[in-house]
Amino acid sequence: MKVRLVLENEHSMDIELYPNIAPISCANFLKLVDEKFYDGIVFHRIIKNFMAQVGGYYFDDKKMEINLAKSVKPIKGEFKSNGVENNLRHTKGVLSMARTMVKDSASSQIFICTADAPHLDGEYAAFGKVIGEDSYKTLDELNNAHTVNAGGGLQDFPYPIIRIKTIERID
């Protein structure tokens, strides 16, 4: 099962999903993809050589303001410290569910590891991986994005804005 994440600049990443490893996370993500939830959403946190996070904010160019995405019901965290076997390691290119300190708080926010992050293994629900050379080139572009402190807790906000045009199923 695969999806294609397309940025506004038309650069894209193909991502293979692993419902056999994290079925709840995959189903939740695909539901949001099918609802076009991610269309127009912005990457709101990029920490170089760690990860790029998206799924929480829209940016209104006309008003120059960041708007919180609509609320999505939280799901069970599919990772070892929450009682779920998940052996997908947080290596470069792995897609995972973002969450608060509450283990079952993941909803719409996801992150893509831009480098290996073994300290996340067993603590976050990894459920997919970037595939293909061109996809990794796009991931490296995200990793190297300039960031600013946008206020309101967004101290690693990519600027210029990096917006998702769409995410769609490709098989």
N, C-alpha and C. Protein backbone atom coordinates (compact mmCIF):
# COMPACT_ATOMS: atom_id res chain seq x y z
N MET A 1 0.85 -1.16 0.00
CA MET A 1 0.00 0.00 0.00
C MET A 1 0.90 1.23 0.00
N LYS A 2 0.66 2.16 -0.94
CA LYS A 2 1.52 3.33 -1.09
C LYS A 2 0.71 4.60 -1.26
N VAL A 3 1.32 5.71 -0.84
CA VAL A 3 0.76 7.04 -1.07
C VAL A 3 1.85 7.92 -1.65
N ARG A 4 1.44 8.98 -2.31
CA ARG A 4 2.37 10.00 -2.82
C ARG A 4 2.03 11.33 -2.16
N LEU A 5 3.00 11.90 -1.47
CA LEU A 5 2.87 13.22 -0.87
C LEU A 5 3.48 14.21 -1.86
N VAL A 6 2.67 15.17 -2.32
CA VAL A 6 3.12 16.15 -3.29
C VAL A 6 3.13 17.53 -2.63
N LEU A 7 4.28 18.19 -2.68
CA LEU A 7 4.41 19.54 -2.14
C LEU A 7 3.93 20.55 -3.15
N GLU A 8 3.70 21.78 -2.71
CA GLU A 8 3.28 22.85 -3.61
C GLU A 8 4.26 23.10 -4.75
N ASN A 9 5.56 22.84 -4.50
CA ASN A 9 6.56 23.03 -5.54
C ASN A 9 6.65 21.85 -6.50
N GLU A 10 5.72 20.90 -6.36
CA GLU A 10 5.58 19.69 -7.18
C GLU A 10 6.62 18.62 -6.87
N HIS A 11 7.51 18.83 -5.93
CA HIS A 11 8.41 17.77 -5.49
C HIS A 11 7.57 16.79 -4.68
N SER A 12 7.91 15.52 -4.73
CA SER A 12 7.05 14.53 -4.08
C SER A 12 7.86 13.45 -3.38
N MET A 13 7.14 12.73 -2.53
CA MET A 13 7.69 11.57 -1.84
C MET A 13 6.68 10.44 -1.92
N ASP A 14 7.15 9.29 -2.37
CA ASP A 14 6.33 8.09 -2.32
C ASP A 14 6.60 7.42 -0.98
N ILE A 15 5.53 6.97 -0.35
CA ILE A 15 5.64 6.38 0.98
C ILE A 15 4.90 5.05 0.98
N GLU A 16 5.61 4.01 1.41
CA GLU A 16 5.00 2.70 1.56
C GLU A 16 4.48 2.57 2.98
N LEU A 17 3.23 2.14 3.12
CA LEU A 17 2.60 1.99 4.43
C LEU A 17 2.62 0.52 4.86
N TYR A 18 2.66 0.29 6.16
CA TYR A 18 2.77 -1.06 6.70
C TYR A 18 1.62 -1.37 7.65
N PRO A 19 0.42 -1.68 7.09
CA PRO A 19 -0.72 -1.99 7.96
C PRO A 19 -0.52 -3.26 8.77
N ASN A 20 0.39 -4.12 8.37
CA ASN A 20 0.66 -5.33 9.14
C ASN A 20 1.44 -4.99 10.43
N ILE A 21 2.10 -3.84 10.46
CA ILE A 21 2.85 -3.41 11.64
C ILE A 21 2.01 -2.49 12.53
N ALA A 22 1.31 -1.55 11.91
CA ALA A 22 0.51 -0.56 12.65
C ALA A 22 -0.82 -0.32 11.95
N PRO A 23 -1.75 -1.27 12.07
CA PRO A 23 -3.02 -1.17 11.34
C PRO A 23 -3.88 0.04 11.73
N ILE A 24 -3.91 0.41 12.98
CA ILE A 24 -4.73 1.53 13.42
C ILE A 24 -4.17 2.84 12.86
N SER A 25 -2.86 3.01 12.96
CA SER A 25 -2.21 4.22 12.44
C SER A 25 -2.40 4.34 10.93
N CYS A 26 -2.22 3.24 10.20
CA CYS A 26 -2.39 3.26 8.75
C CYS A 26 -3.83 3.60 8.38
N ALA A 27 -4.79 2.97 9.04
CA ALA A 27 -6.21 3.23 8.73
C ALA A 27 -6.56 4.69 9.02
N ASN A 28 -6.08 5.22 10.13
CA ASN A 28 -6.33 6.61 10.49
C ASN A 28 -5.73 7.55 9.44
N PHE A 29 -4.48 7.31 9.07
CA PHE A 29 -3.80 8.14 8.08
C PHE A 29 -4.53 8.08 6.74
N LEU A 30 -4.87 6.89 6.28
CA LEU A 30 -5.55 6.76 4.98
C LEU A 30 -6.93 7.40 4.99
N LYS A 31 -7.63 7.33 6.11
CA LYS A 31 -8.93 8.01 6.23
C LYS A 31 -8.73 9.51 6.00
N LEU A 32 -7.72 10.09 6.65
CA LEU A 32 -7.45 11.52 6.49
C LEU A 32 -6.99 11.85 5.08
N VAL A 33 -6.19 10.98 4.48
CA VAL A 33 -5.78 11.16 3.08
C VAL A 33 -7.01 11.19 2.17
N ASP A 34 -7.90 10.22 2.35
CA ASP A 34 -9.10 10.14 1.52
C ASP A 34 -10.03 11.33 1.72
N GLU A 35 -10.03 11.89 2.92
CA GLU A 35 -10.85 13.08 3.22
C GLU A 35 -10.17 14.37 2.75
N LYS A 36 -8.96 14.27 2.21
CA LYS A 36 -8.17 15.43 1.74
C LYS A 36 -7.78 16.35 2.90
N PHE A 37 -7.69 15.79 4.10
CA PHE A 37 -7.33 16.56 5.29
C PHE A 37 -5.98 17.25 5.12
N TYR A 38 -5.02 16.56 4.51
CA TYR A 38 -3.66 17.10 4.41
C TYR A 38 -3.47 18.09 3.27
N ASP A 39 -4.45 18.20 2.38
CA ASP A 39 -4.31 19.13 1.26
C ASP A 39 -4.26 20.57 1.78
N GLY A 40 -3.16 21.26 1.50
CA GLY A 40 -3.01 22.65 1.92
C GLY A 40 -2.39 22.83 3.30
N ILE A 41 -2.13 21.75 4.00
CA ILE A 41 -1.55 21.85 5.34
C ILE A 41 -0.05 22.14 5.23
N VAL A 42 0.53 22.77 6.24
CA VAL A 42 1.95 23.15 6.17
C VAL A 42 2.79 22.33 7.14
N PHE A 43 4.04 22.09 6.73
CA PHE A 43 5.00 21.54 7.68
C PHE A 43 5.22 22.63 8.72
N HIS A 44 5.04 22.29 9.98
CA HIS A 44 5.13 23.31 11.03
C HIS A 44 6.33 23.12 11.95
N ARG A 45 7.06 22.05 11.74
CA ARG A 45 8.23 21.80 12.60
C ARG A 45 9.23 20.96 11.82
N ILE A 46 10.40 21.52 11.59
CA ILE A 46 11.49 20.77 10.98
C ILE A 46 12.73 20.99 11.82
N ILE A 47 13.25 19.90 12.36
CA ILE A 47 14.49 19.95 13.12
C ILE A 47 15.53 19.21 12.30
N LYS A 48 16.52 19.95 11.82
CA LYS A 48 17.54 19.40 10.93
C LYS A 48 18.18 18.14 11.54
N ASN A 49 18.33 17.15 10.67
CA ASN A 49 18.93 15.86 11.03
C ASN A 49 18.16 15.14 12.14
N PHE A 50 16.84 15.38 12.16
CA PHE A 50 15.97 14.67 13.10
C PHE A 50 14.66 14.32 12.42
N MET A 51 13.79 15.33 12.19
CA MET A 51 12.49 15.01 11.61
C MET A 51 11.79 16.26 11.07
N ALA A 52 10.78 15.98 10.21
CA ALA A 52 9.90 17.01 9.65
C ALA A 52 8.48 16.63 10.04
N GLN A 53 7.74 17.56 10.68
CA GLN A 53 6.41 17.27 11.22
C GLN A 53 5.35 18.09 10.50
N VAL A 54 4.21 17.45 10.26
CA VAL A 54 3.09 18.06 9.55
C VAL A 54 1.79 17.49 10.10
N GLY A 55 0.69 18.20 9.88
CA GLY A 55 -0.61 17.66 10.24
C GLY A 55 -1.37 18.46 11.27
N GLY A 56 -0.81 19.61 11.67
CA GLY A 56 -1.48 20.38 12.70
C GLY A 56 -1.90 21.78 12.32
N TYR A 57 -1.34 22.33 11.23
CA TYR A 57 -1.57 23.74 10.94
C TYR A 57 -1.74 24.04 9.45
N TYR A 58 -2.59 25.02 9.21
CA TYR A 58 -2.72 25.63 7.88
C TYR A 58 -2.17 27.04 7.99
N PHE A 59 -1.68 27.58 6.90
CA PHE A 59 -1.17 28.95 6.90
C PHE A 59 -2.00 29.76 5.92
N ASP A 60 -2.63 30.80 6.42
CA ASP A 60 -3.45 31.68 5.60
C ASP A 60 -2.59 32.83 5.10
N ASP A 61 -2.19 32.76 3.81
CA ASP A 61 -1.32 33.79 3.23
C ASP A 61 -1.97 35.16 3.25
N LYS A 62 -3.28 35.21 3.10
CA LYS A 62 -3.96 36.50 3.03
C LYS A 62 -3.93 37.24 4.36
N LYS A 63 -4.03 36.49 5.47
CA LYS A 63 -4.04 37.09 6.80
C LYS A 63 -2.70 36.95 7.50
N MET A 64 -1.75 36.23 6.87
CA MET A 64 -0.46 35.97 7.49
C MET A 64 -0.63 35.37 8.88
N GLU A 65 -1.45 34.33 8.96
CA GLU A 65 -1.62 33.69 10.25
C GLU A 65 -1.62 32.18 10.12
N ILE A 66 -1.22 31.54 11.19
CA ILE A 66 -1.18 30.09 11.26
C ILE A 66 -2.44 29.64 11.96
N ASN A 67 -3.18 28.72 11.34
CA ASN A 67 -4.44 28.25 11.89
C ASN A 67 -4.34 26.78 12.25
N LEU A 68 -4.79 26.44 13.43
CA LEU A 68 -4.81 25.06 13.89
C LEU A 68 -5.75 24.24 13.01
N ALA A 69 -5.31 23.05 12.63
CA ALA A 69 -6.15 22.16 11.84
C ALA A 69 -7.34 21.68 12.68
N LYS A 70 -8.40 21.26 12.00
CA LYS A 70 -9.57 20.75 12.71
C LYS A 70 -9.20 19.55 13.58
N SER A 71 -9.90 19.39 14.62
CA SER A 71 -9.63 18.32 15.58
C SER A 71 -9.94 16.95 14.98
N VAL A 72 -9.07 16.00 15.24
CA VAL A 72 -9.24 14.63 14.80
C VAL A 72 -9.19 13.75 16.05
N LYS A 73 -10.07 12.76 16.11
CA LYS A 73 -10.15 11.88 17.27
C LYS A 73 -8.83 11.11 17.45
N PRO A 74 -8.30 11.08 18.69
CA PRO A 74 -7.05 10.36 18.94
C PRO A 74 -7.22 8.85 18.78
N ILE A 75 -6.09 8.20 18.49
CA ILE A 75 -6.08 6.75 18.29
C ILE A 75 -5.12 6.09 19.29
N LYS A 76 -5.19 4.78 19.38
CA LYS A 76 -4.27 4.03 20.23
C LYS A 76 -2.86 4.11 19.66
N GLY A 77 -1.90 4.37 20.53
CA GLY A 77 -0.50 4.40 20.13
C GLY A 77 0.03 2.99 19.94
N GLU A 78 0.47 2.69 18.73
CA GLU A 78 0.93 1.34 18.41
C GLU A 78 2.46 1.26 18.52
N PHE A 79 2.93 1.13 19.76
CA PHE A 79 4.36 1.03 20.02
C PHE A 79 4.56 0.24 21.30
N LYS A 80 5.78 -0.29 21.47
CA LYS A 80 6.08 -1.24 22.53
C LYS A 80 5.75 -0.75 23.94
N SER A 81 6.11 0.50 24.28
CA SER A 81 5.85 0.96 25.65
C SER A 81 4.36 1.14 25.93
N ASN A 82 3.53 0.99 24.87
CA ASN A 82 2.08 1.07 25.03
C ASN A 82 1.43 -0.30 24.81
N GLY A 83 2.26 -1.36 24.89
CA GLY A 83 1.75 -2.73 24.82
C GLY A 83 1.53 -3.27 23.42
N VAL A 84 2.09 -2.62 22.40
CA VAL A 84 1.90 -3.07 21.02
C VAL A 84 3.27 -3.35 20.40
N GLU A 85 3.41 -4.54 19.84
CA GLU A 85 4.66 -4.89 19.17
C GLU A 85 4.75 -4.12 17.86
N ASN A 86 5.80 -3.35 17.70
CA ASN A 86 6.04 -2.57 16.47
C ASN A 86 7.56 -2.53 16.29
N ASN A 87 8.05 -3.33 15.36
CA ASN A 87 9.49 -3.46 15.17
C ASN A 87 10.05 -2.55 14.09
N LEU A 88 9.22 -1.64 13.54
CA LEU A 88 9.72 -0.72 12.53
C LEU A 88 10.56 0.35 13.24
N ARG A 89 11.83 0.40 12.91
CA ARG A 89 12.77 1.32 13.55
C ARG A 89 12.66 2.72 12.96
N HIS A 90 12.92 3.71 13.76
CA HIS A 90 12.89 5.11 13.33
C HIS A 90 14.22 5.46 12.65
N THR A 91 14.35 4.98 11.43
CA THR A 91 15.51 5.28 10.59
C THR A 91 15.12 6.36 9.59
N LYS A 92 16.10 6.90 8.90
CA LYS A 92 15.82 7.95 7.92
C LYS A 92 14.72 7.48 6.96
N GLY A 93 13.71 8.34 6.77
CA GLY A 93 12.62 8.04 5.85
C GLY A 93 11.40 7.42 6.49
N VAL A 94 11.47 7.02 7.75
CA VAL A 94 10.33 6.38 8.41
C VAL A 94 9.27 7.42 8.78
N LEU A 95 8.02 7.06 8.52
CA LEU A 95 6.85 7.87 8.83
C LEU A 95 6.27 7.37 10.15
N SER A 96 5.95 8.29 11.06
CA SER A 96 5.47 7.92 12.38
C SER A 96 4.42 8.90 12.85
N MET A 97 3.62 8.47 13.82
CA MET A 97 2.60 9.33 14.40
C MET A 97 3.22 10.22 15.47
N ALA A 98 2.95 11.52 15.40
CA ALA A 98 3.33 12.44 16.47
C ALA A 98 2.27 12.36 17.56
N ARG A 99 2.68 12.67 18.78
CA ARG A 99 1.74 12.62 19.90
C ARG A 99 2.23 13.52 21.02
N THR A 100 1.39 13.70 22.01
CA THR A 100 1.81 14.41 23.23
C THR A 100 2.45 13.37 24.16
N MET A 101 2.63 13.72 25.41
CA MET A 101 3.16 12.77 26.39
C MET A 101 2.15 11.65 26.69
N VAL A 102 0.89 11.87 26.34
CA VAL A 102 -0.14 10.84 26.51
C VAL A 102 0.01 9.83 25.38
N LYS A 103 0.16 8.57 25.72
CA LYS A 103 0.49 7.53 24.74
C LYS A 103 -0.60 7.31 23.68
N ASP A 104 -1.85 7.55 24.02
CA ASP A 104 -2.95 7.37 23.07
C ASP A 104 -3.49 8.72 22.58
N SER A 105 -2.60 9.66 22.27
CA SER A 105 -3.03 11.00 21.86
C SER A 105 -2.78 11.32 20.39
N ALA A 106 -2.16 10.40 19.64
CA ALA A 106 -1.90 10.66 18.22
C ALA A 106 -3.22 10.82 17.47
N SER A 107 -3.24 11.75 16.52
CA SER A 107 -4.46 11.96 15.74
C SER A 107 -4.12 12.23 14.27
N SER A 108 -3.76 13.45 13.94
CA SER A 108 -3.49 13.80 12.54
C SER A 108 -2.04 14.15 12.27
N GLN A 109 -1.29 14.47 13.31
CA GLN A 109 0.09 14.90 13.09
C GLN A 109 1.02 13.70 12.89
N ILE A 110 1.84 13.82 11.87
CA ILE A 110 2.80 12.78 11.52
C ILE A 110 4.17 13.43 11.41
N PHE A 111 5.20 12.61 11.46
CA PHE A 111 6.54 13.11 11.19
C PHE A 111 7.30 12.10 10.36
N ILE A 112 8.25 12.62 9.61
CA ILE A 112 9.13 11.78 8.79
C ILE A 112 10.54 11.99 9.32
N CYS A 113 11.19 10.91 9.68
CA CYS A 113 12.56 11.01 10.16
C CYS A 113 13.47 11.43 9.02
N THR A 114 14.26 12.47 9.25
CA THR A 114 15.23 12.93 8.24
C THR A 114 16.62 12.39 8.56
N ALA A 115 16.72 11.64 9.64
CA ALA A 115 17.94 10.94 10.06
C ALA A 115 17.49 9.81 10.99
N ASP A 116 18.39 8.90 11.29
CA ASP A 116 18.06 7.84 12.23
C ASP A 116 17.78 8.44 13.61
N ALA A 117 16.72 7.96 14.26
CA ALA A 117 16.32 8.46 15.58
C ALA A 117 15.96 7.27 16.48
N PRO A 118 16.95 6.45 16.85
CA PRO A 118 16.67 5.23 17.62
C PRO A 118 16.03 5.48 18.98
N HIS A 119 16.19 6.69 19.53
CA HIS A 119 15.57 6.99 20.83
C HIS A 119 14.04 7.02 20.75
N LEU A 120 13.48 7.05 19.53
CA LEU A 120 12.02 7.03 19.36
C LEU A 120 11.45 5.62 19.27
N ASP A 121 12.33 4.64 19.01
CA ASP A 121 11.88 3.25 18.86
C ASP A 121 11.17 2.79 20.13
N GLY A 122 10.00 2.19 19.95
CA GLY A 122 9.23 1.68 21.07
C GLY A 122 8.40 2.73 21.79
N GLU A 123 8.51 4.01 21.35
CA GLU A 123 7.79 5.11 22.01
C GLU A 123 6.83 5.85 21.07
N TYR A 124 6.98 5.65 19.78
CA TYR A 124 6.13 6.30 18.77
C TYR A 124 5.73 5.26 17.73
N ALA A 125 4.54 5.43 17.14
CA ALA A 125 3.98 4.46 16.20
C ALA A 125 4.49 4.70 14.78
N ALA A 126 5.57 4.00 14.43
CA ALA A 126 6.08 4.03 13.06
C ALA A 126 5.14 3.20 12.19
N PHE A 127 4.82 3.71 10.99
CA PHE A 127 3.85 2.97 10.16
C PHE A 127 4.11 3.05 8.67
N GLY A 128 5.20 3.65 8.25
CA GLY A 128 5.49 3.74 6.82
C GLY A 128 6.92 4.16 6.60
N LYS A 129 7.32 4.17 5.30
CA LYS A 129 8.70 4.56 4.97
C LYS A 129 8.74 5.13 3.56
N VAL A 130 9.51 6.22 3.43
CA VAL A 130 9.75 6.84 2.13
C VAL A 130 10.49 5.84 1.26
N ILE A 131 10.11 5.77 -0.03
CA ILE A 131 10.76 4.86 -0.95
C ILE A 131 11.15 5.60 -2.24
N GLY A 132 12.28 5.23 -2.79
CA GLY A 132 12.71 5.78 -4.07
C GLY A 132 13.69 6.94 -3.93
N GLU A 133 14.64 6.99 -4.86
CA GLU A 133 15.71 7.99 -4.83
C GLU A 133 15.17 9.42 -4.88
N ASP A 134 14.22 9.69 -5.79
CA ASP A 134 13.65 11.05 -5.89
C ASP A 134 12.93 11.44 -4.60
N SER A 135 12.28 10.49 -3.96
CA SER A 135 11.59 10.76 -2.70
C SER A 135 12.59 11.16 -1.62
N TYR A 136 13.73 10.50 -1.59
CA TYR A 136 14.75 10.85 -0.60
C TYR A 136 15.38 12.21 -0.89
N LYS A 137 15.43 12.60 -2.16
CA LYS A 137 15.91 13.95 -2.50
C LYS A 137 14.96 15.00 -1.92
N THR A 138 13.66 14.75 -2.03
CA THR A 138 12.67 15.67 -1.46
C THR A 138 12.78 15.69 0.06
N LEU A 139 12.98 14.53 0.67
CA LEU A 139 13.16 14.46 2.12
C LEU A 139 14.39 15.27 2.56
N ASP A 140 15.46 15.18 1.79
CA ASP A 140 16.67 15.96 2.10
C ASP A 140 16.41 17.46 1.97
N GLU A 141 15.58 17.86 1.00
CA GLU A 141 15.20 19.27 0.87
C GLU A 141 14.46 19.74 2.13
N LEU A 142 13.55 18.91 2.63
CA LEU A 142 12.84 19.25 3.87
C LEU A 142 13.84 19.39 5.02
N ASN A 143 14.74 18.45 5.12
CA ASN A 143 15.73 18.46 6.20
C ASN A 143 16.56 19.75 6.20
N ASN A 144 16.82 20.27 5.02
CA ASN A 144 17.67 21.46 4.89
C ASN A 144 16.90 22.77 4.83
N ALA A 145 15.60 22.73 5.10
CA ALA A 145 14.78 23.94 5.05
C ALA A 145 15.22 24.93 6.13
N HIS A 146 15.14 26.20 5.79
CA HIS A 146 15.41 27.28 6.75
C HIS A 146 14.22 27.34 7.72
N THR A 147 14.50 27.50 9.00
CA THR A 147 13.41 27.60 9.98
C THR A 147 13.56 28.88 10.80
N VAL A 148 12.42 29.31 11.35
CA VAL A 148 12.37 30.51 12.18
C VAL A 148 11.52 30.22 13.41
N ASN A 149 11.59 31.10 14.39
CA ASN A 149 10.69 31.04 15.54
C ASN A 149 9.46 31.86 15.16
N ALA A 150 8.34 31.17 14.90
CA ALA A 150 7.12 31.84 14.48
C ALA A 150 6.24 32.21 15.67
N GLY A 151 6.72 31.98 16.88
CA GLY A 151 5.93 32.28 18.07
C GLY A 151 4.89 31.21 18.34
N GLY A 152 4.24 31.29 19.45
CA GLY A 152 3.19 30.33 19.79
C GLY A 152 3.68 28.90 19.88
N GLY A 153 4.93 28.70 20.26
CA GLY A 153 5.48 27.35 20.38
C GLY A 153 6.02 26.78 19.08
N LEU A 154 6.02 27.57 18.03
CA LEU A 154 6.51 27.11 16.72
C LEU A 154 7.92 27.66 16.47
N GLN A 155 8.89 27.16 17.24
CA GLN A 155 10.24 27.69 17.11
C GLN A 155 11.05 27.06 15.98
N ASP A 156 10.60 25.98 15.38
CA ASP A 156 11.30 25.33 14.27
C ASP A 156 10.41 25.35 13.03
N PHE A 157 9.77 26.49 12.79
CA PHE A 157 8.81 26.65 11.70
C PHE A 157 9.54 26.93 10.39
N PRO A 158 9.34 26.10 9.35
CA PRO A 158 10.02 26.34 8.08
C PRO A 158 9.52 27.60 7.40
N TYR A 159 10.48 28.43 7.00
CA TYR A 159 10.13 29.64 6.27
C TYR A 159 11.20 29.89 5.23
N PRO A 160 10.83 30.03 3.94
CA PRO A 160 9.47 30.12 3.42
C PRO A 160 8.63 28.86 3.72
N ILE A 161 7.33 29.08 3.72
CA ILE A 161 6.34 28.05 4.03
C ILE A 161 6.52 26.84 3.10
N ILE A 162 6.39 25.65 3.68
CA ILE A 162 6.39 24.40 2.90
C ILE A 162 5.02 23.78 3.09
N ARG A 163 4.24 23.77 2.02
CA ARG A 163 2.84 23.34 2.07
C ARG A 163 2.65 22.05 1.26
N ILE A 164 1.82 21.17 1.78
CA ILE A 164 1.44 19.96 1.03
C ILE A 164 0.34 20.34 0.05
N LYS A 165 0.55 20.02 -1.21
CA LYS A 165 -0.50 20.21 -2.22
C LYS A 165 -1.55 19.11 -2.05
N THR A 166 -1.08 17.86 -1.97
CA THR A 166 -2.00 16.73 -1.79
C THR A 166 -1.22 15.51 -1.35
N ILE A 167 -1.94 14.59 -0.74
CA ILE A 167 -1.45 13.23 -0.53
C ILE A 167 -2.52 12.33 -1.13
N GLU A 168 -2.08 11.39 -1.97
CA GLU A 168 -3.05 10.50 -2.63
C GLU A 168 -2.54 9.07 -2.65
N ARG A 169 -3.48 8.16 -2.66
CA ARG A 169 -3.11 6.73 -2.80
C ARG A 169 -2.57 6.50 -4.20
N ILE A 170 -1.52 5.68 -4.30
CA ILE A 170 -1.00 5.34 -5.63
C ILE A 170 -1.08 3.85 -5.93
N ASP A 171 -1.52 3.07 -4.97
CA ASP A 171 -1.86 1.65 -5.23
C ASP A 171 -2.59 1.06 -4.06
